[in-house]
Amino acid sequence: MEQGVAADASAVWGRANRLQTNAIVGSGAYEVRVQIDGGWRVMYVAKFELAIYALHAFHKKTQKTRKDDIELAKKRYKQIGVSQ
């Protein structure tokens, strides 16, 4: 990873104000909430020793998460072969 990209990522993760599990997507899935220019969400899985998979990242404009965002994260969760 390039230094500039790593610095940008660390600035975003440093601003994360809430981390929670997201069982709707699948077992072991988490959601990070970041408040920069509104609300951002990153859904990810960290069940593997050497990898963290970002399933979906999106700008959240309403209080309720859109069904399309959840379905996309679920689809990607299944694609990486996570056992429930």
PDB file of N, CA and C in Angstrom:
ATOM      1  N   MET A   1       0.858  -1.176   0.000  1.00  0.00           N
ATOM      2  CA  MET A   1       0.000   0.000   0.000  1.00  0.00           C
ATOM      3  C   MET A   1       0.898   1.231   0.000  1.00  0.00           C
ATOM      4  N   GLU A   2       0.550   2.186  -0.831  1.00  0.00           N
ATOM      5  CA  GLU A   2       1.323   3.411  -0.895  1.00  0.00           C
ATOM      6  C   GLU A   2       1.137   4.224   0.377  1.00  0.00           C
ATOM      7  N   GLN A   3       2.145   5.021   0.723  1.00  0.00           N
ATOM      8  CA  GLN A   3       2.087   5.792   1.962  1.00  0.00           C
ATOM      9  C   GLN A   3       0.896   6.743   2.012  1.00  0.00           C
ATOM     10  N   GLY A   4       0.612   7.438   0.915  1.00  0.00           N
ATOM     11  CA  GLY A   4      -0.501   8.382   0.893  1.00  0.00           C
ATOM     12  C   GLY A   4      -1.829   7.695   1.133  1.00  0.00           C
ATOM     13  N   VAL A   5      -2.007   6.530   0.515  1.00  0.00           N
ATOM     14  CA  VAL A   5      -3.239   5.766   0.691  1.00  0.00           C
ATOM     15  C   VAL A   5      -3.350   5.287   2.125  1.00  0.00           C
ATOM     16  N   ALA A   6      -2.248   4.804   2.680  1.00  0.00           N
ATOM     17  CA  ALA A   6      -2.252   4.335   4.071  1.00  0.00           C
ATOM     18  C   ALA A   6      -2.581   5.478   5.022  1.00  0.00           C
ATOM     19  N   ALA A   7      -2.042   6.647   4.757  1.00  0.00           N
ATOM     20  CA  ALA A   7      -2.310   7.802   5.621  1.00  0.00           C
ATOM     21  C   ALA A   7      -3.778   8.189   5.545  1.00  0.00           C
ATOM     22  N   ASP A   8      -4.346   8.192   4.332  1.00  0.00           N
ATOM     23  CA  ASP A   8      -5.765   8.512   4.165  1.00  0.00           C
ATOM     24  C   ASP A   8      -6.638   7.493   4.895  1.00  0.00           C
ATOM     25  N   ALA A   9      -6.318   6.219   4.746  1.00  0.00           N
ATOM     26  CA  ALA A   9      -7.093   5.164   5.409  1.00  0.00           C
ATOM     27  C   ALA A   9      -7.004   5.310   6.915  1.00  0.00           C
ATOM     28  N   SER A  10      -5.823   5.597   7.416  1.00  0.00           N
ATOM     29  CA  SER A  10      -5.669   5.736   8.864  1.00  0.00           C
ATOM     30  C   SER A  10      -6.423   6.948   9.389  1.00  0.00           C
ATOM     31  N   ALA A  11      -6.518   8.018   8.598  1.00  0.00           N
ATOM     32  CA  ALA A  11      -7.290   9.189   9.017  1.00  0.00           C
ATOM     33  C   ALA A  11      -8.772   8.847   9.110  1.00  0.00           C
ATOM     34  N   VAL A  12      -9.264   8.067   8.158  1.00  0.00           N
ATOM     35  CA  VAL A  12     -10.677   7.663   8.185  1.00  0.00           C
ATOM     36  C   VAL A  12     -10.947   6.728   9.353  1.00  0.00           C
ATOM     37  N   TRP A  13     -10.130   5.688   9.526  1.00  0.00           N
ATOM     38  CA  TRP A  13     -10.364   4.728  10.613  1.00  0.00           C
ATOM     39  C   TRP A  13     -10.216   5.416  11.967  1.00  0.00           C
ATOM     40  N   GLY A  14      -9.350   6.421  12.042  1.00  0.00           N
ATOM     41  CA  GLY A  14      -9.200   7.155  13.292  1.00  0.00           C
ATOM     42  C   GLY A  14     -10.439   7.963  13.647  1.00  0.00           C
ATOM     43  N   ARG A  15     -11.256   8.251  12.668  1.00  0.00           N
ATOM     44  CA  ARG A  15     -12.488   9.008  12.892  1.00  0.00           C
ATOM     45  C   ARG A  15     -13.702   8.103  13.090  1.00  0.00           C
ATOM     46  N   ALA A  16     -13.517   6.825  13.031  1.00  0.00           N
ATOM     47  CA  ALA A  16     -14.640   5.900  13.207  1.00  0.00           C
ATOM     48  C   ALA A  16     -15.209   6.100  14.603  1.00  0.00           C
ATOM     49  N   ASN A  17     -16.494   6.341  14.673  1.00  0.00           N
ATOM     50  CA  ASN A  17     -17.078   6.614  15.973  1.00  0.00           C
ATOM     51  C   ASN A  17     -17.934   5.471  16.501  1.00  0.00           C
ATOM     52  N   ARG A  18     -18.066   4.425  15.721  1.00  0.00           N
ATOM     53  CA  ARG A  18     -18.846   3.304  16.215  1.00  0.00           C
ATOM     54  C   ARG A  18     -18.531   2.057  15.412  1.00  0.00           C
ATOM     55  N   LEU A  19     -18.350   0.969  16.111  1.00  0.00           N
ATOM     56  CA  LEU A  19     -18.108  -0.329  15.497  1.00  0.00           C
ATOM     57  C   LEU A  19     -19.149  -1.275  16.054  1.00  0.00           C
ATOM     58  N   GLN A  20     -19.823  -1.996  15.181  1.00  0.00           N
ATOM     59  CA  GLN A  20     -20.811  -2.951  15.674  1.00  0.00           C
ATOM     60  C   GLN A  20     -20.843  -4.162  14.764  1.00  0.00           C
ATOM     61  N   THR A  21     -21.327  -5.271  15.297  1.00  0.00           N
ATOM     62  CA  THR A  21     -21.493  -6.460  14.473  1.00  0.00           C
ATOM     63  C   THR A  21     -22.674  -6.239  13.540  1.00  0.00           C
ATOM     64  N   ASN A  22     -22.678  -6.940  12.444  1.00  0.00           N
ATOM     65  CA  ASN A  22     -23.774  -6.838  11.487  1.00  0.00           C
ATOM     66  C   ASN A  22     -24.216  -8.239  11.104  1.00  0.00           C
ATOM     67  N   ALA A  23     -25.006  -8.858  11.975  1.00  0.00           N
ATOM     68  CA  ALA A  23     -25.461 -10.234  11.777  1.00  0.00           C
ATOM     69  C   ALA A  23     -26.393 -10.360  10.581  1.00  0.00           C
ATOM     70  N   ILE A  24     -26.994  -9.264  10.151  1.00  0.00           N
ATOM     71  CA  ILE A  24     -27.869  -9.320   8.977  1.00  0.00           C
ATOM     72  C   ILE A  24     -27.064  -9.740   7.751  1.00  0.00           C
ATOM     73  N   VAL A  25     -25.839  -9.253   7.656  1.00  0.00           N
ATOM     74  CA  VAL A  25     -24.974  -9.600   6.531  1.00  0.00           C
ATOM     75  C   VAL A  25     -24.451 -11.024   6.701  1.00  0.00           C
ATOM     76  N   GLY A  26     -24.011 -11.384   7.907  1.00  0.00           N
ATOM     77  CA  GLY A  26     -23.508 -12.726   8.176  1.00  0.00           C
ATOM     78  C   GLY A  26     -22.708 -12.765   9.456  1.00  0.00           C
ATOM     79  N   SER A  27     -22.480 -13.946   9.949  1.00  0.00           N
ATOM     80  CA  SER A  27     -21.716 -14.147  11.176  1.00  0.00           C
ATOM     81  C   SER A  27     -20.289 -13.635  11.004  1.00  0.00           C
ATOM     82  N   GLY A  28     -19.845 -12.798  11.924  1.00  0.00           N
ATOM     83  CA  GLY A  28     -18.487 -12.268  11.849  1.00  0.00           C
ATOM     84  C   GLY A  28     -18.367 -11.003  11.020  1.00  0.00           C
ATOM     85  N   ALA A  29     -19.477 -10.518  10.484  1.00  0.00           N
ATOM     86  CA  ALA A  29     -19.452  -9.267   9.719  1.00  0.00           C
ATOM     87  C   ALA A  29     -19.590  -8.090  10.691  1.00  0.00           C
ATOM     88  N   TYR A  30     -18.876  -7.025  10.391  1.00  0.00           N
ATOM     89  CA  TYR A  30     -18.904  -5.824  11.221  1.00  0.00           C
ATOM     90  C   TYR A  30     -19.212  -4.608  10.365  1.00  0.00           C
ATOM     91  N   GLU A  31     -19.623  -3.564  11.028  1.00  0.00           N
ATOM     92  CA  GLU A  31     -19.903  -2.298  10.361  1.00  0.00           C
ATOM     93  C   GLU A  31     -19.203  -1.190  11.140  1.00  0.00           C
ATOM     94  N   VAL A  32     -18.443  -0.386  10.429  1.00  0.00           N
ATOM     95  CA  VAL A  32     -17.792   0.781  11.017  1.00  0.00           C
ATOM     96  C   VAL A  32     -18.563   1.993  10.541  1.00  0.00           C
ATOM     97  N   ARG A  33     -18.857   2.882  11.470  1.00  0.00           N
ATOM     98  CA  ARG A  33     -19.551   4.125  11.135  1.00  0.00           C
ATOM     99  C   ARG A  33     -18.573   5.278  11.260  1.00  0.00           C
ATOM    100  N   VAL A  34     -18.477   6.065  10.203  1.00  0.00           N
ATOM    101  CA  VAL A  34     -17.556   7.198  10.164  1.00  0.00           C
ATOM    102  C   VAL A  34     -18.355   8.449   9.823  1.00  0.00           C
ATOM    103  N   GLN A  35     -18.133   9.505  10.582  1.00  0.00           N
ATOM    104  CA  GLN A  35     -18.819  10.775  10.347  1.00  0.00           C
ATOM    105  C   GLN A  35     -17.869  11.751   9.660  1.00  0.00           C
ATOM    106  N   ILE A  36     -17.869  11.750   8.333  1.00  0.00           N
ATOM    107  CA  ILE A  36     -17.123  12.702   7.510  1.00  0.00           C
ATOM    108  C   ILE A  36     -18.065  13.094   6.374  1.00  0.00           C
ATOM    109  N   ASP A  37     -18.383  14.364   6.259  1.00  0.00           N
ATOM    110  CA  ASP A  37     -19.331  14.801   5.226  1.00  0.00           C
ATOM    111  C   ASP A  37     -20.604  13.969   5.265  1.00  0.00           C
ATOM    112  N   GLY A  38     -21.181  13.847   6.413  1.00  0.00           N
ATOM    113  CA  GLY A  38     -22.349  12.990   6.588  1.00  0.00           C
ATOM    114  C   GLY A  38     -21.908  11.636   7.111  1.00  0.00           C
ATOM    115  N   GLY A  39     -22.739  10.657   6.991  1.00  0.00           N
ATOM    116  CA  GLY A  39     -22.420   9.324   7.510  1.00  0.00           C
ATOM    117  C   GLY A  39     -21.907   8.393   6.440  1.00  0.00           C
ATOM    118  N   TRP A  40     -20.860   7.668   6.752  1.00  0.00           N
ATOM    119  CA  TRP A  40     -20.299   6.642   5.878  1.00  0.00           C
ATOM    120  C   TRP A  40     -20.308   5.330   6.630  1.00  0.00           C
ATOM    121  N   ARG A  41     -20.472   4.246   5.922  1.00  0.00           N
ATOM    122  CA  ARG A  41     -20.448   2.918   6.516  1.00  0.00           C
ATOM    123  C   ARG A  41     -19.489   2.033   5.729  1.00  0.00           C
ATOM    124  N   VAL A  42     -18.775   1.185   6.444  1.00  0.00           N
ATOM    125  CA  VAL A  42     -17.937   0.163   5.825  1.00  0.00           C
ATOM    126  C   VAL A  42     -18.318  -1.152   6.476  1.00  0.00           C
ATOM    127  N   MET A  43     -18.789  -2.103   5.679  1.00  0.00           N
ATOM    128  CA  MET A  43     -19.109  -3.439   6.181  1.00  0.00           C
ATOM    129  C   MET A  43     -17.951  -4.347   5.800  1.00  0.00           C
ATOM    130  N   TYR A  44     -17.473  -5.121   6.767  1.00  0.00           N
ATOM    131  CA  TYR A  44     -16.304  -5.955   6.497  1.00  0.00           C
ATOM    132  C   TYR A  44     -16.331  -7.248   7.313  1.00  0.00           C
ATOM    133  N   VAL A  45     -15.459  -8.181   6.916  1.00  0.00           N
ATOM    134  CA  VAL A  45     -15.289  -9.453   7.622  1.00  0.00           C
ATOM    135  C   VAL A  45     -13.806  -9.600   7.925  1.00  0.00           C
ATOM    136  N   ALA A  46     -13.491  -9.992   9.155  1.00  0.00           N
ATOM    137  CA  ALA A  46     -12.089 -10.204   9.552  1.00  0.00           C
ATOM    138  C   ALA A  46     -11.949 -11.572  10.203  1.00  0.00           C
ATOM    139  N   LYS A  47     -12.470 -12.604   9.562  1.00  0.00           N
ATOM    140  CA  LYS A  47     -12.427 -13.959  10.115  1.00  0.00           C
ATOM    141  C   LYS A  47     -11.210 -14.757   9.629  1.00  0.00           C
ATOM    142  N   PHE A  48     -10.399 -14.146   8.829  1.00  0.00           N
ATOM    143  CA  PHE A  48      -9.271 -14.850   8.254  1.00  0.00           C
ATOM    144  C   PHE A  48      -7.979 -14.338   8.872  1.00  0.00           C
ATOM    145  N   GLU A  49      -7.014 -15.208   9.027  1.00  0.00           N
ATOM    146  CA  GLU A  49      -5.762 -14.846   9.683  1.00  0.00           C
ATOM    147  C   GLU A  49      -5.009 -13.736   8.959  1.00  0.00           C
ATOM    148  N   LEU A  50      -5.029 -13.768   7.642  1.00  0.00           N
ATOM    149  CA  LEU A  50      -4.203 -12.829   6.891  1.00  0.00           C
ATOM    150  C   LEU A  50      -4.996 -11.822   6.066  1.00  0.00           C
ATOM    151  N   ALA A  51      -6.292 -11.712   6.287  1.00  0.00           N
ATOM    152  CA  ALA A  51      -7.060 -10.811   5.432  1.00  0.00           C
ATOM    153  C   ALA A  51      -8.243 -10.182   6.155  1.00  0.00           C
ATOM    154  N   ILE A  52      -8.543  -8.980   5.752  1.00  0.00           N
ATOM    155  CA  ILE A  52      -9.781  -8.299   6.129  1.00  0.00           C
ATOM    156  C   ILE A  52     -10.460  -7.971   4.809  1.00  0.00           C
ATOM    157  N   TYR A  53     -11.686  -8.427   4.645  1.00  0.00           N
ATOM    158  CA  TYR A  53     -12.425  -8.184   3.420  1.00  0.00           C
ATOM    159  C   TYR A  53     -13.432  -7.073   3.626  1.00  0.00           C
ATOM    160  N   ALA A  54     -13.277  -5.973   2.879  1.00  0.00           N
ATOM    161  CA  ALA A  54     -14.285  -4.914   2.884  1.00  0.00           C
ATOM    162  C   ALA A  54     -15.390  -5.383   1.940  1.00  0.00           C
ATOM    163  N   LEU A  55     -16.565  -5.614   2.484  1.00  0.00           N
ATOM    164  CA  LEU A  55     -17.678  -6.109   1.696  1.00  0.00           C
ATOM    165  C   LEU A  55     -18.374  -4.989   0.939  1.00  0.00           C
ATOM    166  N   HIS A  56     -18.490  -3.836   1.585  1.00  0.00           N
ATOM    167  CA  HIS A  56     -19.176  -2.712   0.954  1.00  0.00           C
ATOM    168  C   HIS A  56     -18.912  -1.443   1.762  1.00  0.00           C
ATOM    169  N   ALA A  57     -18.707  -0.344   1.073  1.00  0.00           N
ATOM    170  CA  ALA A  57     -18.565   0.968   1.709  1.00  0.00           C
ATOM    171  C   ALA A  57     -19.503   1.916   0.984  1.00  0.00           C
ATOM    172  N   PHE A  58     -20.205   2.741   1.744  1.00  0.00           N
ATOM    173  CA  PHE A  58     -21.185   3.611   1.108  1.00  0.00           C
ATOM    174  C   PHE A  58     -21.477   4.839   1.965  1.00  0.00           C
ATOM    175  N   HIS A  59     -21.957   5.877   1.299  1.00  0.00           N
ATOM    176  CA  HIS A  59     -22.368   7.110   1.952  1.00  0.00           C
ATOM    177  C   HIS A  59     -23.819   6.929   2.372  1.00  0.00           C
ATOM    178  N   LYS A  60     -24.067   7.041   3.654  1.00  0.00           N
ATOM    179  CA  LYS A  60     -25.413   6.820   4.165  1.00  0.00           C
ATOM    180  C   LYS A  60     -26.111   8.159   4.297  1.00  0.00           C
ATOM    181  N   LYS A  61     -27.211   8.305   3.565  1.00  0.00           N
ATOM    182  CA  LYS A  61     -27.906   9.588   3.508  1.00  0.00           C
ATOM    183  C   LYS A  61     -29.205   9.600   4.303  1.00  0.00           C
ATOM    184  N   THR A  62     -29.665   8.432   4.727  1.00  0.00           N
ATOM    185  CA  THR A  62     -30.895   8.348   5.512  1.00  0.00           C
ATOM    186  C   THR A  62     -30.620   7.528   6.763  1.00  0.00           C
ATOM    187  N   GLN A  63     -31.545   7.542   7.701  1.00  0.00           N
ATOM    188  CA  GLN A  63     -31.341   6.794   8.944  1.00  0.00           C
ATOM    189  C   GLN A  63     -31.335   5.289   8.702  1.00  0.00           C
ATOM    190  N   LYS A  64     -32.168   4.823   7.807  1.00  0.00           N
ATOM    191  CA  LYS A  64     -32.264   3.391   7.531  1.00  0.00           C
ATOM    192  C   LYS A  64     -31.303   3.010   6.401  1.00  0.00           C
ATOM    193  N   THR A  65     -30.597   1.893   6.581  1.00  0.00           N
ATOM    194  CA  THR A  65     -29.690   1.406   5.537  1.00  0.00           C
ATOM    195  C   THR A  65     -30.514   0.848   4.381  1.00  0.00           C
ATOM    196  N   ARG A  66     -30.154   1.249   3.174  1.00  0.00           N
ATOM    197  CA  ARG A  66     -30.889   0.780   1.996  1.00  0.00           C
ATOM    198  C   ARG A  66     -30.753  -0.726   1.836  1.00  0.00           C
ATOM    199  N   LYS A  67     -31.831  -1.367   1.403  1.00  0.00           N
ATOM    200  CA  LYS A  67     -31.831  -2.812   1.193  1.00  0.00           C
ATOM    201  C   LYS A  67     -30.770  -3.215   0.165  1.00  0.00           C
ATOM    202  N   ASP A  68     -30.574  -2.406  -0.883  1.00  0.00           N
ATOM    203  CA  ASP A  68     -29.569  -2.704  -1.903  1.00  0.00           C
ATOM    204  C   ASP A  68     -28.164  -2.781  -1.312  1.00  0.00           C
ATOM    205  N   ASP A  69     -27.861  -1.899  -0.352  1.00  0.00           N
ATOM    206  CA  ASP A  69     -26.547  -1.913   0.292  1.00  0.00           C
ATOM    207  C   ASP A  69     -26.352  -3.189   1.106  1.00  0.00           C
ATOM    208  N   ILE A  70     -27.382  -3.590   1.832  1.00  0.00           N
ATOM    209  CA  ILE A  70     -27.309  -4.815   2.640  1.00  0.00           C
ATOM    210  C   ILE A  70     -27.183  -6.043   1.737  1.00  0.00           C
ATOM    211  N   GLU A  71     -27.980  -6.090   0.682  1.00  0.00           N
ATOM    212  CA  GLU A  71     -27.947  -7.241  -0.230  1.00  0.00           C
ATOM    213  C   GLU A  71     -26.594  -7.375  -0.923  1.00  0.00           C
ATOM    214  N   LEU A  72     -25.980  -6.258  -1.297  1.00  0.00           N
ATOM    215  CA  LEU A  72     -24.663  -6.306  -1.929  1.00  0.00           C
ATOM    216  C   LEU A  72     -23.618  -6.843  -0.952  1.00  0.00           C
ATOM    217  N   ALA A  73     -23.659  -6.401   0.288  1.00  0.00           N
ATOM    218  CA  ALA A  73     -22.723  -6.898   1.308  1.00  0.00           C
ATOM    219  C   ALA A  73     -22.946  -8.396   1.539  1.00  0.00           C
ATOM    220  N   LYS A  74     -24.202  -8.850   1.583  1.00  0.00           N
ATOM    221  CA  LYS A  74     -24.512 -10.278   1.760  1.00  0.00           C
ATOM    222  C   LYS A  74     -23.966 -11.107   0.599  1.00  0.00           C
ATOM    223  N   LYS A  75     -24.151 -10.603  -0.618  1.00  0.00           N
ATOM    224  CA  LYS A  75     -23.671 -11.304  -1.808  1.00  0.00           C
ATOM    225  C   LYS A  75     -22.148 -11.465  -1.754  1.00  0.00           C
ATOM    226  N   ARG A  76     -21.452 -10.400  -1.406  1.00  0.00           N
ATOM    227  CA  ARG A  76     -19.990 -10.463  -1.340  1.00  0.00           C
ATOM    228  C   ARG A  76     -19.521 -11.353  -0.193  1.00  0.00           C
ATOM    229  N   TYR A  77     -20.261 -11.353   0.894  1.00  0.00           N
ATOM    230  CA  TYR A  77     -19.964 -12.234   2.038  1.00  0.00           C
ATOM    231  C   TYR A  77     -19.983 -13.683   1.577  1.00  0.00           C
ATOM    232  N   LYS A  78     -21.010 -14.056   0.813  1.00  0.00           N
ATOM    233  CA  LYS A  78     -21.125 -15.428   0.307  1.00  0.00           C
ATOM    234  C   LYS A  78     -20.022 -15.754  -0.684  1.00  0.00           C
ATOM    235  N   GLN A  79     -19.630 -14.767  -1.510  1.00  0.00           N
ATOM    236  CA  GLN A  79     -18.610 -14.981  -2.533  1.00  0.00           C
ATOM    237  C   GLN A  79     -17.244 -15.307  -1.952  1.00  0.00           C
ATOM    238  N   ILE A  80     -16.940 -14.780  -0.763  1.00  0.00           N
ATOM    239  CA  ILE A  80     -15.610 -15.062  -0.195  1.00  0.00           C
ATOM    240  C   ILE A  80     -15.590 -16.364   0.580  1.00  0.00           C
ATOM    241  N   GLY A  81     -16.749 -17.014   0.704  1.00  0.00           N
ATOM    242  CA  GLY A  81     -16.799 -18.354   1.295  1.00  0.00           C
ATOM    243  C   GLY A  81     -16.667 -18.394   2.802  1.00  0.00           C
ATOM    244  N   VAL A  82     -17.221 -17.421   3.484  1.00  0.00           N
ATOM    245  CA  VAL A  82     -17.194 -17.406   4.939  1.00  0.00           C
ATOM    246  C   VAL A  82     -18.172 -18.441   5.452  1.00  0.00           C
ATOM    247  N   SER A  83     -17.717 -19.317   6.357  1.00  0.00           N
ATOM    248  CA  SER A  83     -18.638 -20.282   6.948  1.00  0.00           C
ATOM    249  C   SER A  83     -19.348 -19.627   8.128  1.00  0.00           C
ATOM    250  N   GLN A  84     -20.647 -19.832   8.201  1.00  0.00           N
ATOM    251  CA  GLN A  84     -21.455 -19.186   9.233  1.00  0.00           C
ATOM    252  C   GLN A  84     -21.244 -19.783  10.565  1.00  0.00           C
TER     253      GLN A  84
END
